[in-house]
Amino acid sequence: VYNGSDKLWASLMEEMWTKIEHEFGGFRVRLHRASVKLSGELDSDNAKTRQSKRKAAILQLQVKGFTYLLLSLVGVVISILYKDALISIAAPVALSSPFLVYVMSFVHK
């Protein structure tokens, strides 16, 4: 190993990744990297198996993201529509929590 060869390889790799991202776009490269990471593919898998695993991993990620988005929107809508009912239910529970009682004991001293 020559002195400084690790820096040479690091700079070559950085240059290569920069060119690849410039050619294909940062989003597509990151999506590909995520699909490889999430797919759980094995070294013994052939190209067709790897591709199907990557597509399934990305589909699963998209379904999770959509589900979380939908649930958060439903939560926001419910909290807007029923804010008075939620406050009347949550306030007594929050005010009687042991932690809040503990904190308030220091405030009222």
PDB file of N, CA and C in Angstrom:
ATOM      1  N   VAL A   1       0.854  -1.175   0.000  1.00  0.00           N
ATOM      2  CA  VAL A   1       0.000   0.000   0.000  1.00  0.00           C
ATOM      3  C   VAL A   1       0.896   1.233   0.000  1.00  0.00           C
ATOM      4  N   TYR A   2       0.614   2.107  -0.910  1.00  0.00           N
ATOM      5  CA  TYR A   2       1.398   3.327  -1.028  1.00  0.00           C
ATOM      6  C   TYR A   2       0.878   4.396  -0.091  1.00  0.00           C
ATOM      7  N   ASN A   3       1.765   5.269   0.325  1.00  0.00           N
ATOM      8  CA  ASN A   3       1.402   6.357   1.216  1.00  0.00           C
ATOM      9  C   ASN A   3       0.385   7.277   0.528  1.00  0.00           C
ATOM     10  N   GLY A   4      -0.758   7.471   1.156  1.00  0.00           N
ATOM     11  CA  GLY A   4      -1.784   8.355   0.608  1.00  0.00           C
ATOM     12  C   GLY A   4      -2.747   7.679  -0.344  1.00  0.00           C
ATOM     13  N   SER A   5      -2.611   6.352  -0.568  1.00  0.00           N
ATOM     14  CA  SER A   5      -3.505   5.678  -1.507  1.00  0.00           C
ATOM     15  C   SER A   5      -4.943   5.642  -0.993  1.00  0.00           C
ATOM     16  N   ASP A   6      -5.126   5.641   0.329  1.00  0.00           N
ATOM     17  CA  ASP A   6      -6.478   5.660   0.872  1.00  0.00           C
ATOM     18  C   ASP A   6      -7.181   6.969   0.535  1.00  0.00           C
ATOM     19  N   LYS A   7      -6.424   8.076   0.540  1.00  0.00           N
ATOM     20  CA  LYS A   7      -7.003   9.368   0.171  1.00  0.00           C
ATOM     21  C   LYS A   7      -7.317   9.424  -1.321  1.00  0.00           C
ATOM     22  N   LEU A   8      -6.467   8.789  -2.117  1.00  0.00           N
ATOM     23  CA  LEU A   8      -6.721   8.730  -3.550  1.00  0.00           C
ATOM     24  C   LEU A   8      -8.025   7.986  -3.832  1.00  0.00           C
ATOM     25  N   TRP A   9      -8.187   6.808  -3.193  1.00  0.00           N
ATOM     26  CA  TRP A   9      -9.410   6.033  -3.387  1.00  0.00           C
ATOM     27  C   TRP A   9     -10.631   6.793  -2.889  1.00  0.00           C
ATOM     28  N   ALA A  10     -10.507   7.473  -1.753  1.00  0.00           N
ATOM     29  CA  ALA A  10     -11.633   8.235  -1.218  1.00  0.00           C
ATOM     30  C   ALA A  10     -12.029   9.351  -2.176  1.00  0.00           C
ATOM     31  N   SER A  11     -11.061  10.027  -2.743  1.00  0.00           N
ATOM     32  CA  SER A  11     -11.390  11.111  -3.674  1.00  0.00           C
ATOM     33  C   SER A  11     -11.989  10.567  -4.965  1.00  0.00           C
ATOM     34  N   LEU A  12     -11.497   9.406  -5.427  1.00  0.00           N
ATOM     35  CA  LEU A  12     -12.080   8.789  -6.626  1.00  0.00           C
ATOM     36  C   LEU A  12     -13.534   8.378  -6.383  1.00  0.00           C
ATOM     37  N   MET A  13     -13.786   7.775  -5.220  1.00  0.00           N
ATOM     38  CA  MET A  13     -15.155   7.368  -4.889  1.00  0.00           C
ATOM     39  C   MET A  13     -16.083   8.574  -4.781  1.00  0.00           C
ATOM     40  N   GLU A  14     -15.598   9.632  -4.144  1.00  0.00           N
ATOM     41  CA  GLU A  14     -16.416  10.841  -4.017  1.00  0.00           C
ATOM     42  C   GLU A  14     -16.720  11.431  -5.386  1.00  0.00           C
ATOM     43  N   GLU A  15     -15.744  11.454  -6.250  1.00  0.00           N
ATOM     44  CA  GLU A  15     -15.942  11.979  -7.608  1.00  0.00           C
ATOM     45  C   GLU A  15     -16.944  11.117  -8.369  1.00  0.00           C
ATOM     46  N   MET A  16     -16.831   9.808  -8.218  1.00  0.00           N
ATOM     47  CA  MET A  16     -17.740   8.900  -8.912  1.00  0.00           C
ATOM     48  C   MET A  16     -19.183   9.093  -8.427  1.00  0.00           C
ATOM     49  N   TRP A  17     -19.392   9.177  -7.101  1.00  0.00           N
ATOM     50  CA  TRP A  17     -20.743   9.364  -6.578  1.00  0.00           C
ATOM     51  C   TRP A  17     -21.323  10.711  -7.010  1.00  0.00           C
ATOM     52  N   THR A  18     -20.485  11.737  -7.043  1.00  0.00           N
ATOM     53  CA  THR A  18     -20.947  13.052  -7.481  1.00  0.00           C
ATOM     54  C   THR A  18     -21.400  13.008  -8.930  1.00  0.00           C
ATOM     55  N   LYS A  19     -20.627  12.339  -9.782  1.00  0.00           N
ATOM     56  CA  LYS A  19     -20.996  12.223 -11.206  1.00  0.00           C
ATOM     57  C   LYS A  19     -22.271  11.402 -11.382  1.00  0.00           C
ATOM     58  N   ILE A  20     -22.402  10.325 -10.609  1.00  0.00           N
ATOM     59  CA  ILE A  20     -23.603   9.491 -10.713  1.00  0.00           C
ATOM     60  C   ILE A  20     -24.834  10.286 -10.291  1.00  0.00           C
ATOM     61  N   GLU A  21     -24.741  11.018  -9.184  1.00  0.00           N
ATOM     62  CA  GLU A  21     -25.876  11.837  -8.739  1.00  0.00           C
ATOM     63  C   GLU A  21     -26.195  12.934  -9.751  1.00  0.00           C
ATOM     64  N   HIS A  22     -25.176  13.490 -10.371  1.00  0.00           N
ATOM     65  CA  HIS A  22     -25.412  14.525 -11.387  1.00  0.00           C
ATOM     66  C   HIS A  22     -26.101  13.928 -12.616  1.00  0.00           C
ATOM     67  N   GLU A  23     -25.692  12.733 -13.006  1.00  0.00           N
ATOM     68  CA  GLU A  23     -26.249  12.081 -14.192  1.00  0.00           C
ATOM     69  C   GLU A  23     -27.694  11.628 -13.986  1.00  0.00           C
ATOM     70  N   PHE A  24     -27.961  10.974 -12.856  1.00  0.00           N
ATOM     71  CA  PHE A  24     -29.273  10.365 -12.637  1.00  0.00           C
ATOM     72  C   PHE A  24     -30.183  11.175 -11.712  1.00  0.00           C
ATOM     73  N   GLY A  25     -29.638  12.134 -11.008  1.00  0.00           N
ATOM     74  CA  GLY A  25     -30.429  12.920 -10.068  1.00  0.00           C
ATOM     75  C   GLY A  25     -30.303  12.373  -8.660  1.00  0.00           C
ATOM     76  N   GLY A  26     -30.216  13.281  -7.709  1.00  0.00           N
ATOM     77  CA  GLY A  26     -30.015  12.893  -6.322  1.00  0.00           C
ATOM     78  C   GLY A  26     -31.144  12.031  -5.773  1.00  0.00           C
ATOM     79  N   PHE A  27     -32.384  12.363  -6.138  1.00  0.00           N
ATOM     80  CA  PHE A  27     -33.530  11.606  -5.608  1.00  0.00           C
ATOM     81  C   PHE A  27     -33.490  10.162  -6.074  1.00  0.00           C
ATOM     82  N   ARG A  28     -33.228   9.946  -7.351  1.00  0.00           N
ATOM     83  CA  ARG A  28     -33.215   8.577  -7.879  1.00  0.00           C
ATOM     84  C   ARG A  28     -32.083   7.750  -7.272  1.00  0.00           C
ATOM     85  N   VAL A  29     -30.924   8.381  -7.081  1.00  0.00           N
ATOM     86  CA  VAL A  29     -29.796   7.661  -6.484  1.00  0.00           C
ATOM     87  C   VAL A  29     -30.121   7.292  -5.045  1.00  0.00           C
ATOM     88  N   ARG A  30     -30.701   8.226  -4.302  1.00  0.00           N
ATOM     89  CA  ARG A  30     -31.051   7.939  -2.912  1.00  0.00           C
ATOM     90  C   ARG A  30     -32.154   6.886  -2.816  1.00  0.00           C
ATOM     91  N   LEU A  31     -33.098   6.940  -3.733  1.00  0.00           N
ATOM     92  CA  LEU A  31     -34.149   5.928  -3.775  1.00  0.00           C
ATOM     93  C   LEU A  31     -33.553   4.551  -4.047  1.00  0.00           C
ATOM     94  N   HIS A  32     -32.601   4.489  -4.952  1.00  0.00           N
ATOM     95  CA  HIS A  32     -31.931   3.211  -5.232  1.00  0.00           C
ATOM     96  C   HIS A  32     -31.183   2.713  -4.000  1.00  0.00           C
ATOM     97  N   ARG A  33     -30.450   3.601  -3.339  1.00  0.00           N
ATOM     98  CA  ARG A  33     -29.709   3.205  -2.136  1.00  0.00           C
ATOM     99  C   ARG A  33     -30.662   2.708  -1.049  1.00  0.00           C
ATOM    100  N   ALA A  34     -31.791   3.395  -0.897  1.00  0.00           N
ATOM    101  CA  ALA A  34     -32.774   2.970   0.104  1.00  0.00           C
ATOM    102  C   ALA A  34     -33.347   1.603  -0.243  1.00  0.00           C
ATOM    103  N   SER A  35     -33.618   1.372  -1.529  1.00  0.00           N
ATOM    104  CA  SER A  35     -34.182   0.079  -1.924  1.00  0.00           C
ATOM    105  C   SER A  35     -33.199  -1.046  -1.661  1.00  0.00           C
ATOM    106  N   VAL A  36     -31.921  -0.797  -1.889  1.00  0.00           N
ATOM    107  CA  VAL A  36     -30.909  -1.827  -1.617  1.00  0.00           C
ATOM    108  C   VAL A  36     -30.831  -2.097  -0.125  1.00  0.00           C
ATOM    109  N   LYS A  37     -30.845  -1.035   0.665  1.00  0.00           N
ATOM    110  CA  LYS A  37     -30.723  -1.173   2.119  1.00  0.00           C
ATOM    111  C   LYS A  37     -31.940  -1.894   2.718  1.00  0.00           C
ATOM    112  N   LEU A  38     -33.132  -1.541   2.248  1.00  0.00           N
ATOM    113  CA  LEU A  38     -34.363  -2.071   2.835  1.00  0.00           C
ATOM    114  C   LEU A  38     -34.761  -3.446   2.310  1.00  0.00           C
ATOM    115  N   SER A  39     -34.196  -3.851   1.175  1.00  0.00           N
ATOM    116  CA  SER A  39     -34.676  -5.077   0.527  1.00  0.00           C
ATOM    117  C   SER A  39     -34.244  -6.360   1.225  1.00  0.00           C
ATOM    118  N   GLY A  40     -33.147  -6.311   1.959  1.00  0.00           N
ATOM    119  CA  GLY A  40     -32.668  -7.521   2.610  1.00  0.00           C
ATOM    120  C   GLY A  40     -32.171  -8.554   1.616  1.00  0.00           C
ATOM    121  N   GLU A  41     -31.685  -8.088   0.495  1.00  0.00           N
ATOM    122  CA  GLU A  41     -31.215  -9.023  -0.529  1.00  0.00           C
ATOM    123  C   GLU A  41     -29.944  -9.739  -0.082  1.00  0.00           C
ATOM    124  N   LEU A  42     -29.759 -10.900  -0.628  1.00  0.00           N
ATOM    125  CA  LEU A  42     -28.607 -11.737  -0.297  1.00  0.00           C
ATOM    126  C   LEU A  42     -27.605 -11.728  -1.454  1.00  0.00           C
ATOM    127  N   ASP A  43     -26.365 -12.045  -1.146  1.00  0.00           N
ATOM    128  CA  ASP A  43     -25.352 -12.132  -2.200  1.00  0.00           C
ATOM    129  C   ASP A  43     -25.685 -13.231  -3.203  1.00  0.00           C
ATOM    130  N   SER A  44     -26.389 -14.255  -2.743  1.00  0.00           N
ATOM    131  CA  SER A  44     -26.731 -15.378  -3.613  1.00  0.00           C
ATOM    132  C   SER A  44     -27.954 -15.110  -4.495  1.00  0.00           C
ATOM    133  N   ASP A  45     -28.662 -13.996  -4.264  1.00  0.00           N
ATOM    134  CA  ASP A  45     -29.828 -13.669  -5.085  1.00  0.00           C
ATOM    135  C   ASP A  45     -29.401 -13.281  -6.492  1.00  0.00           C
ATOM    136  N   ASN A  46     -30.186 -13.734  -7.477  1.00  0.00           N
ATOM    137  CA  ASN A  46     -29.895 -13.317  -8.847  1.00  0.00           C
ATOM    138  C   ASN A  46     -30.477 -11.928  -9.097  1.00  0.00           C
ATOM    139  N   ALA A  47     -30.216 -11.368 -10.267  1.00  0.00           N
ATOM    140  CA  ALA A  47     -30.609  -9.992 -10.568  1.00  0.00           C
ATOM    141  C   ALA A  47     -32.124  -9.809 -10.523  1.00  0.00           C
ATOM    142  N   LYS A  48     -32.864 -10.784 -11.017  1.00  0.00           N
ATOM    143  CA  LYS A  48     -34.328 -10.666 -11.029  1.00  0.00           C
ATOM    144  C   LYS A  48     -34.889 -10.679  -9.605  1.00  0.00           C
ATOM    145  N   THR A  49     -34.358 -11.531  -8.761  1.00  0.00           N
ATOM    146  CA  THR A  49     -34.790 -11.598  -7.365  1.00  0.00           C
ATOM    147  C   THR A  49     -34.459 -10.301  -6.636  1.00  0.00           C
ATOM    148  N   ARG A  50     -33.265  -9.775  -6.867  1.00  0.00           N
ATOM    149  CA  ARG A  50     -32.868  -8.512  -6.234  1.00  0.00           C
ATOM    150  C   ARG A  50     -33.802  -7.385  -6.656  1.00  0.00           C
ATOM    151  N   GLN A  51     -34.118  -7.335  -7.933  1.00  0.00           N
ATOM    152  CA  GLN A  51     -34.990  -6.276  -8.433  1.00  0.00           C
ATOM    153  C   GLN A  51     -36.382  -6.376  -7.817  1.00  0.00           C
ATOM    154  N   SER A  52     -36.915  -7.585  -7.711  1.00  0.00           N
ATOM    155  CA  SER A  52     -38.254  -7.742  -7.131  1.00  0.00           C
ATOM    156  C   SER A  52     -38.241  -7.410  -5.639  1.00  0.00           C
ATOM    157  N   LYS A  53     -37.172  -7.776  -4.931  1.00  0.00           N
ATOM    158  CA  LYS A  53     -37.071  -7.428  -3.518  1.00  0.00           C
ATOM    159  C   LYS A  53     -36.982  -5.918  -3.325  1.00  0.00           C
ATOM    160  N   ARG A  54     -36.241  -5.253  -4.192  1.00  0.00           N
ATOM    161  CA  ARG A  54     -36.102  -3.797  -4.085  1.00  0.00           C
ATOM    162  C   ARG A  54     -37.431  -3.098  -4.363  1.00  0.00           C
ATOM    163  N   LYS A  55     -38.153  -3.565  -5.371  1.00  0.00           N
ATOM    164  CA  LYS A  55     -39.462  -2.968  -5.671  1.00  0.00           C
ATOM    165  C   LYS A  55     -40.425  -3.174  -4.511  1.00  0.00           C
ATOM    166  N   ALA A  56     -40.414  -4.359  -3.925  1.00  0.00           N
ATOM    167  CA  ALA A  56     -41.292  -4.644  -2.784  1.00  0.00           C
ATOM    168  C   ALA A  56     -40.929  -3.773  -1.587  1.00  0.00           C
ATOM    169  N   ALA A  57     -39.637  -3.556  -1.362  1.00  0.00           N
ATOM    170  CA  ALA A  57     -39.195  -2.726  -0.237  1.00  0.00           C
ATOM    171  C   ALA A  57     -39.640  -1.279  -0.416  1.00  0.00           C
ATOM    172  N   ILE A  58     -39.526  -0.762  -1.631  1.00  0.00           N
ATOM    173  CA  ILE A  58     -39.943   0.620  -1.890  1.00  0.00           C
ATOM    174  C   ILE A  58     -41.459   0.738  -1.781  1.00  0.00           C
ATOM    175  N   LEU A  59     -42.194  -0.249  -2.279  1.00  0.00           N
ATOM    176  CA  LEU A  59     -43.653  -0.225  -2.159  1.00  0.00           C
ATOM    177  C   LEU A  59     -44.066  -0.239  -0.694  1.00  0.00           C
ATOM    178  N   GLN A  60     -43.413  -1.059   0.103  1.00  0.00           N
ATOM    179  CA  GLN A  60     -43.716  -1.117   1.537  1.00  0.00           C
ATOM    180  C   GLN A  60     -43.419   0.230   2.198  1.00  0.00           C
ATOM    181  N   LEU A  61     -42.324   0.864   1.831  1.00  0.00           N
ATOM    182  CA  LEU A  61     -41.979   2.183   2.371  1.00  0.00           C
ATOM    183  C   LEU A  61     -43.026   3.224   1.971  1.00  0.00           C
ATOM    184  N   GLN A  62     -43.481   3.183   0.738  1.00  0.00           N
ATOM    185  CA  GLN A  62     -44.498   4.128   0.281  1.00  0.00           C
ATOM    186  C   GLN A  62     -45.830   3.909   0.997  1.00  0.00           C
ATOM    187  N   VAL A  63     -46.209   2.659   1.199  1.00  0.00           N
ATOM    188  CA  VAL A  63     -47.458   2.358   1.904  1.00  0.00           C
ATOM    189  C   VAL A  63     -47.384   2.857   3.348  1.00  0.00           C
ATOM    190  N   LYS A  64     -46.246   2.629   4.007  1.00  0.00           N
ATOM    191  CA  LYS A  64     -46.083   3.122   5.379  1.00  0.00           C
ATOM    192  C   LYS A  64     -46.167   4.645   5.421  1.00  0.00           C
ATOM    193  N   GLY A  65     -45.469   5.302   4.504  1.00  0.00           N
ATOM    194  CA  GLY A  65     -45.495   6.760   4.476  1.00  0.00           C
ATOM    195  C   GLY A  65     -46.893   7.303   4.248  1.00  0.00           C
ATOM    196  N   PHE A  66     -47.623   6.706   3.307  1.00  0.00           N
ATOM    197  CA  PHE A  66     -48.995   7.148   3.034  1.00  0.00           C
ATOM    198  C   PHE A  66     -49.894   6.899   4.235  1.00  0.00           C
ATOM    199  N   THR A  67     -49.722   5.762   4.885  1.00  0.00           N
ATOM    200  CA  THR A  67     -50.532   5.438   6.061  1.00  0.00           C
ATOM    201  C   THR A  67     -50.286   6.434   7.186  1.00  0.00           C
ATOM    202  N   TYR A  68     -49.013   6.747   7.453  1.00  0.00           N
ATOM    203  CA  TYR A  68     -48.686   7.722   8.501  1.00  0.00           C
ATOM    204  C   TYR A  68     -49.236   9.100   8.163  1.00  0.00           C
ATOM    205  N   LEU A  69     -49.149   9.482   6.904  1.00  0.00           N
ATOM    206  CA  LEU A  69     -49.687  10.771   6.482  1.00  0.00           C
ATOM    207  C   LEU A  69     -51.197  10.814   6.674  1.00  0.00           C
ATOM    208  N   LEU A  70     -51.873   9.762   6.254  1.00  0.00           N
ATOM    209  CA  LEU A  70     -53.325   9.695   6.380  1.00  0.00           C
ATOM    210  C   LEU A  70     -53.750   9.724   7.845  1.00  0.00           C
ATOM    211  N   LEU A  71     -53.069   8.966   8.687  1.00  0.00           N
ATOM    212  CA  LEU A  71     -53.416   8.951  10.116  1.00  0.00           C
ATOM    213  C   LEU A  71     -53.185  10.312  10.767  1.00  0.00           C
ATOM    214  N   SER A  72     -52.112  10.980  10.383  1.00  0.00           N
ATOM    215  CA  SER A  72     -51.862  12.303  10.969  1.00  0.00           C
ATOM    216  C   SER A  72     -52.902  13.310  10.506  1.00  0.00           C
ATOM    217  N   LEU A  73     -53.323  13.233   9.250  1.00  0.00           N
ATOM    218  CA  LEU A  73     -54.373  14.137   8.764  1.00  0.00           C
ATOM    219  C   LEU A  73     -55.698  13.871   9.458  1.00  0.00           C
ATOM    220  N   VAL A  74     -56.025  12.598   9.669  1.00  0.00           N
ATOM    221  CA  VAL A  74     -57.248  12.253  10.390  1.00  0.00           C
ATOM    222  C   VAL A  74     -57.175  12.795  11.810  1.00  0.00           C
ATOM    223  N   GLY A  75     -56.029  12.673  12.446  1.00  0.00           N
ATOM    224  CA  GLY A  75     -55.862  13.209  13.799  1.00  0.00           C
ATOM    225  C   GLY A  75     -56.035  14.712  13.856  1.00  0.00           C
ATOM    226  N   VAL A  76     -55.501  15.412  12.874  1.00  0.00           N
ATOM    227  CA  VAL A  76     -55.651  16.871  12.832  1.00  0.00           C
ATOM    228  C   VAL A  76     -57.114  17.249  12.633  1.00  0.00           C
ATOM    229  N   VAL A  77     -57.788  16.580  11.706  1.00  0.00           N
ATOM    230  CA  VAL A  77     -59.202  16.886  11.445  1.00  0.00           C
ATOM    231  C   VAL A  77     -60.048  16.599  12.680  1.00  0.00           C
ATOM    232  N   ILE A  78     -59.813  15.477  13.328  1.00  0.00           N
ATOM    233  CA  ILE A  78     -60.577  15.139  14.538  1.00  0.00           C
ATOM    234  C   ILE A  78     -60.325  16.158  15.637  1.00  0.00           C
ATOM    235  N   SER A  79     -59.064  16.548  15.794  1.00  0.00           N
ATOM    236  CA  SER A  79     -58.769  17.521  16.847  1.00  0.00           C
ATOM    237  C   SER A  79     -59.382  18.887  16.553  1.00  0.00           C
ATOM    238  N   ILE A  80     -59.497  19.250  15.290  1.00  0.00           N
ATOM    239  CA  ILE A  80     -60.144  20.526  14.933  1.00  0.00           C
ATOM    240  C   ILE A  80     -61.655  20.442  15.151  1.00  0.00           C
ATOM    241  N   LEU A  81     -62.265  19.353  14.693  1.00  0.00           N
ATOM    242  CA  LEU A  81     -63.715  19.217  14.789  1.00  0.00           C
ATOM    243  C   LEU A  81     -64.201  19.023  16.220  1.00  0.00           C
ATOM    244  N   TYR A  82     -63.442  18.314  17.010  1.00  0.00           N
ATOM    245  CA  TYR A  82     -63.890  17.965  18.355  1.00  0.00           C
ATOM    246  C   TYR A  82     -62.994  18.557  19.439  1.00  0.00           C
ATOM    247  N   LYS A  83     -62.430  19.728  19.196  1.00  0.00           N
ATOM    248  CA  LYS A  83     -61.476  20.302  20.146  1.00  0.00           C
ATOM    249  C   LYS A  83     -62.111  20.560  21.513  1.00  0.00           C
ATOM    250  N   ASP A  84     -63.341  21.039  21.540  1.00  0.00           N
ATOM    251  CA  ASP A  84     -63.979  21.312  22.829  1.00  0.00           C
ATOM    252  C   ASP A  84     -64.201  20.027  23.620  1.00  0.00           C
ATOM    253  N   ALA A  85     -64.642  18.979  22.939  1.00  0.00           N
ATOM    254  CA  ALA A  85     -64.852  17.700  23.621  1.00  0.00           C
ATOM    255  C   ALA A  85     -63.522  17.114  24.094  1.00  0.00           C
ATOM    256  N   LEU A  86     -62.486  17.235  23.271  1.00  0.00           N
ATOM    257  CA  LEU A  86     -61.177  16.708  23.659  1.00  0.00           C
ATOM    258  C   LEU A  86     -60.616  17.459  24.861  1.00  0.00           C
ATOM    259  N   ILE A  87     -60.798  18.765  24.875  1.00  0.00           N
ATOM    260  CA  ILE A  87     -60.300  19.562  26.001  1.00  0.00           C
ATOM    261  C   ILE A  87     -61.039  19.193  27.280  1.00  0.00           C
ATOM    262  N   SER A  88     -62.356  19.020  27.181  1.00  0.00           N
ATOM    263  CA  SER A  88     -63.121  18.694  28.382  1.00  0.00           C
ATOM    264  C   SER A  88     -62.777  17.307  28.917  1.00  0.00           C
ATOM    265  N   ILE A  89     -62.329  16.409  28.041  1.00  0.00           N
ATOM    266  CA  ILE A  89     -61.926  15.077  28.478  1.00  0.00           C
ATOM    267  C   ILE A  89     -60.475  15.075  28.947  1.00  0.00           C
ATOM    268  N   ALA A  90     -59.615  15.731  28.190  1.00  0.00           N
ATOM    269  CA  ALA A  90     -58.175  15.661  28.462  1.00  0.00           C
ATOM    270  C   ALA A  90     -57.745  16.542  29.626  1.00  0.00           C
ATOM    271  N   ALA A  91     -58.400  17.684  29.817  1.00  0.00           N
ATOM    272  CA  ALA A  91     -57.965  18.608  30.866  1.00  0.00           C
ATOM    273  C   ALA A  91     -58.028  17.982  32.254  1.00  0.00           C
ATOM    274  N   PRO A  92     -59.128  17.358  32.661  1.00  0.00           N
ATOM    275  CA  PRO A  92     -59.150  16.747  34.000  1.00  0.00           C
ATOM    276  C   PRO A  92     -58.114  15.634  34.158  1.00  0.00           C
ATOM    277  N   VAL A  93     -57.905  14.879  33.096  1.00  0.00           N
ATOM    278  CA  VAL A  93     -56.913  13.799  33.153  1.00  0.00           C
ATOM    279  C   VAL A  93     -55.524  14.388  33.299  1.00  0.00           C
ATOM    280  N   ALA A  94     -55.217  15.408  32.508  1.00  0.00           N
ATOM    281  CA  ALA A  94     -53.901  16.040  32.575  1.00  0.00           C
ATOM    282  C   ALA A  94     -53.681  16.723  33.915  1.00  0.00           C
ATOM    283  N   LEU A  95     -54.714  17.367  34.421  1.00  0.00           N
ATOM    284  CA  LEU A  95     -54.567  18.076  35.692  1.00  0.00           C
ATOM    285  C   LEU A  95     -54.415  17.130  36.876  1.00  0.00           C
ATOM    286  N   SER A  96     -54.891  15.902  36.737  1.00  0.00           N
ATOM    287  CA  SER A  96     -54.780  14.944  37.837  1.00  0.00           C
ATOM    288  C   SER A  96     -53.581  14.017  37.684  1.00  0.00           C
ATOM    289  N   SER A  97     -52.735  14.253  36.679  1.00  0.00           N
ATOM    290  CA  SER A  97     -51.583  13.372  36.493  1.00  0.00           C
ATOM    291  C   SER A  97     -50.586  13.573  37.620  1.00  0.00           C
ATOM    292  N   PRO A  98     -49.969  12.511  38.087  1.00  0.00           N
ATOM    293  CA  PRO A  98     -49.012  12.616  39.193  1.00  0.00           C
ATOM    294  C   PRO A  98     -47.846  13.555  38.872  1.00  0.00           C
ATOM    295  N   PHE A  99     -47.390  13.547  37.630  1.00  0.00           N
ATOM    296  CA  PHE A  99     -46.282  14.421  37.260  1.00  0.00           C
ATOM    297  C   PHE A  99     -46.667  15.887  37.386  1.00  0.00           C
ATOM    298  N   LEU A 100     -47.856  16.241  36.876  1.00  0.00           N
ATOM    299  CA  LEU A 100     -48.297  17.627  36.957  1.00  0.00           C
ATOM    300  C   LEU A 100     -48.505  18.047  38.413  1.00  0.00           C
ATOM    301  N   VAL A 101     -49.066  17.170  39.232  1.00  0.00           N
ATOM    302  CA  VAL A 101     -49.241  17.470  40.661  1.00  0.00           C
ATOM    303  C   VAL A 101     -47.884  17.717  41.301  1.00  0.00           C
ATOM    304  N   TYR A 102     -46.887  16.916  40.941  1.00  0.00           N
ATOM    305  CA  TYR A 102     -45.530  17.073  41.468  1.00  0.00           C
ATOM    306  C   TYR A 102     -44.940  18.419  41.044  1.00  0.00           C
ATOM    307  N   VAL A 103     -45.076  18.773  39.786  1.00  0.00           N
ATOM    308  CA  VAL A 103     -44.541  20.043  39.283  1.00  0.00           C
ATOM    309  C   VAL A 103     -45.268  21.222  39.944  1.00  0.00           C
ATOM    310  N   MET A 104     -46.567  21.107  40.043  1.00  0.00           N
ATOM    311  CA  MET A 104     -47.345  22.224  40.627  1.00  0.00           C
ATOM    312  C   MET A 104     -47.029  22.397  42.113  1.00  0.00           C
ATOM    313  N   SER A 105     -46.584  21.342  42.766  1.00  0.00           N
ATOM    314  CA  SER A 105     -46.245  21.485  44.191  1.00  0.00           C
ATOM    315  C   SER A 105     -45.028  22.406  44.361  1.00  0.00           C
ATOM    316  N   PHE A 106     -44.155  22.471  43.385  1.00  0.00           N
ATOM    317  CA  PHE A 106     -43.024  23.384  43.445  1.00  0.00           C
ATOM    318  C   PHE A 106     -43.426  24.812  43.062  1.00  0.00           C
ATOM    319  N   VAL A 107     -44.394  24.931  42.177  1.00  0.00           N
ATOM    320  CA  VAL A 107     -44.816  26.253  41.703  1.00  0.00           C
ATOM    321  C   VAL A 107     -45.540  27.006  42.806  1.00  0.00           C
ATOM    322  N   HIS A 108     -46.344  26.317  43.585  1.00  0.00           N
ATOM    323  CA  HIS A 108     -47.168  26.980  44.611  1.00  0.00           C
ATOM    324  C   HIS A 108     -46.462  27.139  45.951  1.00  0.00           C
ATOM    325  N   LYS A 109     -45.176  26.874  46.058  1.00  0.00           N
ATOM    326  CA  LYS A 109     -44.458  27.047  47.322  1.00  0.00           C
ATOM    327  C   LYS A 109     -44.125  28.482  47.584  1.00  0.00           C
TER     328      LYS A 109
END
